[in-house]
N, C-alpha and C. Protein backbone atom coordinates (compact mmCIF):
# COMPACT_ATOMS: atom_id res chain seq x y z
N UNK A 1 0.86 -1.18 0.01
CA UNK A 1 0.03 -0.06 0.02
C UNK A 1 0.92 1.29 -0.05
N UNK A 2 2.03 1.21 0.67
CA UNK A 2 2.90 2.42 0.70
C UNK A 2 3.44 2.74 -0.72
N UNK A 3 3.56 1.69 -1.54
CA UNK A 3 4.01 1.84 -2.85
C UNK A 3 3.06 2.70 -3.67
N UNK A 4 1.77 2.49 -3.47
CA UNK A 4 0.72 3.23 -4.18
C UNK A 4 0.67 4.67 -3.69
N UNK A 5 0.91 4.91 -2.47
CA UNK A 5 0.92 6.35 -1.94
C UNK A 5 2.13 7.03 -2.51
N UNK A 6 3.25 6.35 -2.61
CA UNK A 6 4.43 7.00 -3.24
C UNK A 6 4.20 7.33 -4.70
N UNK A 7 3.50 6.42 -5.41
CA UNK A 7 3.21 6.70 -6.81
C UNK A 7 2.27 7.85 -6.96
N UNK A 8 1.28 7.96 -6.10
CA UNK A 8 0.31 9.07 -6.18
C UNK A 8 1.12 10.35 -5.91
N UNK A 9 1.97 10.36 -4.94
CA UNK A 9 2.76 11.61 -4.53
C UNK A 9 3.60 11.97 -5.69
N UNK A 10 4.27 10.95 -6.38
CA UNK A 10 5.21 11.27 -7.52
C UNK A 10 4.40 11.86 -8.65
N UNK A 11 3.21 11.32 -8.94
CA UNK A 11 2.36 11.79 -10.02
C UNK A 11 1.83 13.13 -9.69
N UNK A 12 1.47 13.47 -8.46
CA UNK A 12 1.01 14.73 -7.96
C UNK A 12 2.09 15.78 -8.12
N UNK A 13 3.33 15.46 -7.74
CA UNK A 13 4.48 16.33 -7.93
C UNK A 13 4.79 16.58 -9.41
N UNK A 14 4.63 15.64 -10.25
CA UNK A 14 4.78 15.93 -11.71
C UNK A 14 3.76 16.73 -12.25
N UNK A 15 2.53 16.62 -11.77
CA UNK A 15 1.39 17.51 -12.28
C UNK A 15 1.62 18.91 -11.85
N UNK A 16 2.10 19.11 -10.59
CA UNK A 16 2.38 20.46 -10.21
C UNK A 16 3.52 21.14 -10.96
N UNK A 17 4.57 20.41 -11.26
CA UNK A 17 5.68 20.97 -12.02
C UNK A 17 5.23 21.21 -13.47
N UNK A 18 4.38 20.35 -14.01
CA UNK A 18 3.87 20.49 -15.36
C UNK A 18 3.00 21.81 -15.44
N UNK A 19 2.14 22.06 -14.36
CA UNK A 19 1.31 23.26 -14.36
C UNK A 19 2.18 24.55 -14.23
N UNK A 20 3.24 24.41 -13.44
CA UNK A 20 4.06 25.62 -13.25
C UNK A 20 4.91 25.93 -14.55
N UNK A 21 5.36 24.84 -15.21
CA UNK A 21 6.07 25.01 -16.48
C UNK A 21 5.19 25.57 -17.59
N UNK A 22 3.90 25.42 -17.46
CA UNK A 22 2.91 25.91 -18.46
C UNK A 22 2.40 27.29 -18.12
N UNK A 23 2.81 27.79 -16.98
CA UNK A 23 2.38 29.16 -16.47
C UNK A 23 3.15 30.21 -17.15
N UNK A 24 2.57 30.99 -18.06
CA UNK A 24 3.34 31.99 -18.88
C UNK A 24 4.00 33.02 -18.00
N UNK A 25 3.30 33.51 -16.93
CA UNK A 25 3.94 34.61 -16.17
C UNK A 25 5.16 34.12 -15.43
N UNK A 26 5.11 32.89 -14.96
CA UNK A 26 6.31 32.27 -14.26
C UNK A 26 7.48 32.15 -15.30
N UNK A 27 7.15 31.66 -16.51
CA UNK A 27 8.16 31.43 -17.48
C UNK A 27 8.80 32.76 -17.97
N UNK A 28 8.00 33.79 -18.08
CA UNK A 28 8.57 35.14 -18.40
C UNK A 28 9.47 35.65 -17.27
N UNK A 29 9.03 35.41 -16.10
CA UNK A 29 9.84 35.82 -14.88
C UNK A 29 11.20 35.12 -14.86
N UNK A 30 11.20 33.78 -15.16
CA UNK A 30 12.42 33.03 -15.12
C UNK A 30 13.28 33.49 -16.34
N UNK A 31 12.69 33.55 -17.52
CA UNK A 31 13.56 33.97 -18.66
C UNK A 31 14.18 35.40 -18.53
N UNK A 32 13.51 36.24 -17.73
CA UNK A 32 13.99 37.60 -17.62
C UNK A 32 14.74 37.80 -16.28
N UNK A 33 14.91 36.71 -15.53
CA UNK A 33 15.67 36.85 -14.24
C UNK A 33 15.00 37.78 -13.24
N UNK A 34 13.61 37.75 -13.15
CA UNK A 34 12.94 38.63 -12.26
C UNK A 34 13.31 38.35 -10.75
N UNK A 35 13.68 37.14 -10.54
CA UNK A 35 14.05 36.68 -9.26
C UNK A 35 15.49 36.80 -8.79
N UNK A 36 16.29 37.52 -9.66
CA UNK A 36 17.65 37.68 -9.39
C UNK A 36 18.49 36.51 -10.00
N UNK A 37 19.73 36.42 -9.53
CA UNK A 37 20.56 35.44 -10.09
C UNK A 37 20.15 34.02 -9.90
N UNK A 38 19.33 33.75 -8.96
CA UNK A 38 18.85 32.38 -8.60
C UNK A 38 17.33 32.19 -9.05
N UNK A 39 16.95 32.90 -10.09
CA UNK A 39 15.50 32.73 -10.49
C UNK A 39 15.13 31.35 -10.82
N UNK A 40 16.00 30.60 -11.57
CA UNK A 40 15.67 29.27 -12.03
C UNK A 40 15.51 28.39 -10.71
N UNK A 41 16.40 28.52 -9.77
CA UNK A 41 16.33 27.68 -8.54
C UNK A 41 15.07 28.05 -7.85
N UNK A 42 14.70 29.31 -7.78
CA UNK A 42 13.50 29.70 -7.02
C UNK A 42 12.21 29.11 -7.69
N UNK A 43 12.24 29.05 -9.07
CA UNK A 43 11.12 28.43 -9.72
C UNK A 43 11.03 26.98 -9.45
N UNK A 44 12.15 26.30 -9.39
CA UNK A 44 12.16 24.85 -9.05
C UNK A 44 11.70 24.61 -7.63
N UNK A 45 12.14 25.48 -6.73
CA UNK A 45 11.77 25.32 -5.32
C UNK A 45 10.27 25.55 -5.23
N UNK A 46 9.65 26.38 -6.01
CA UNK A 46 8.26 26.67 -5.86
C UNK A 46 7.42 25.37 -6.10
N UNK A 47 7.89 24.60 -7.04
CA UNK A 47 7.16 23.32 -7.29
C UNK A 47 7.17 22.41 -5.99
N UNK A 48 8.30 22.30 -5.44
CA UNK A 48 8.45 21.47 -4.22
C UNK A 48 7.63 22.10 -3.05
N UNK A 49 7.69 23.40 -2.96
CA UNK A 49 6.98 24.07 -1.86
C UNK A 49 5.41 23.87 -1.97
N UNK A 50 4.97 23.93 -3.23
CA UNK A 50 3.46 23.80 -3.46
C UNK A 50 3.11 22.29 -3.04
N UNK A 51 3.96 21.36 -3.60
CA UNK A 51 3.65 19.98 -3.26
C UNK A 51 3.65 19.74 -1.80
N UNK A 52 4.68 20.27 -1.07
CA UNK A 52 4.82 20.04 0.33
C UNK A 52 3.61 20.65 1.09
N UNK A 53 3.14 21.83 0.64
CA UNK A 53 1.98 22.44 1.27
C UNK A 53 0.76 21.55 1.20
N UNK A 54 0.53 21.05 0.00
CA UNK A 54 -0.68 20.19 -0.22
C UNK A 54 -0.56 18.88 0.58
N UNK A 55 0.64 18.36 0.64
CA UNK A 55 0.82 17.12 1.46
C UNK A 55 0.58 17.33 2.89
N UNK A 56 1.10 18.46 3.40
CA UNK A 56 1.03 18.82 4.84
C UNK A 56 -0.36 19.21 5.20
N UNK A 57 -1.23 19.72 4.27
CA UNK A 57 -2.52 20.22 4.57
C UNK A 57 -3.67 19.39 3.90
N UNK A 58 -3.32 18.16 3.63
CA UNK A 58 -4.22 17.36 2.85
C UNK A 58 -5.46 16.94 3.63
N UNK A 59 -5.53 16.97 4.92
CA UNK A 59 -6.66 16.49 5.63
C UNK A 59 -7.64 17.65 5.99
């Protein structure tokens, strides 16, 4: 059963990242370095932060 939960979390994380990659405003911000020298890293962090938020507040 734990394997199924891990599969769901992996799929959920992939869906979040796909949604963020398709978000035009975020992509423009990354392309233009709106977040400073670490813009790309911040965009990648955002995906993990959103996933963690939903996992922590799922109930």
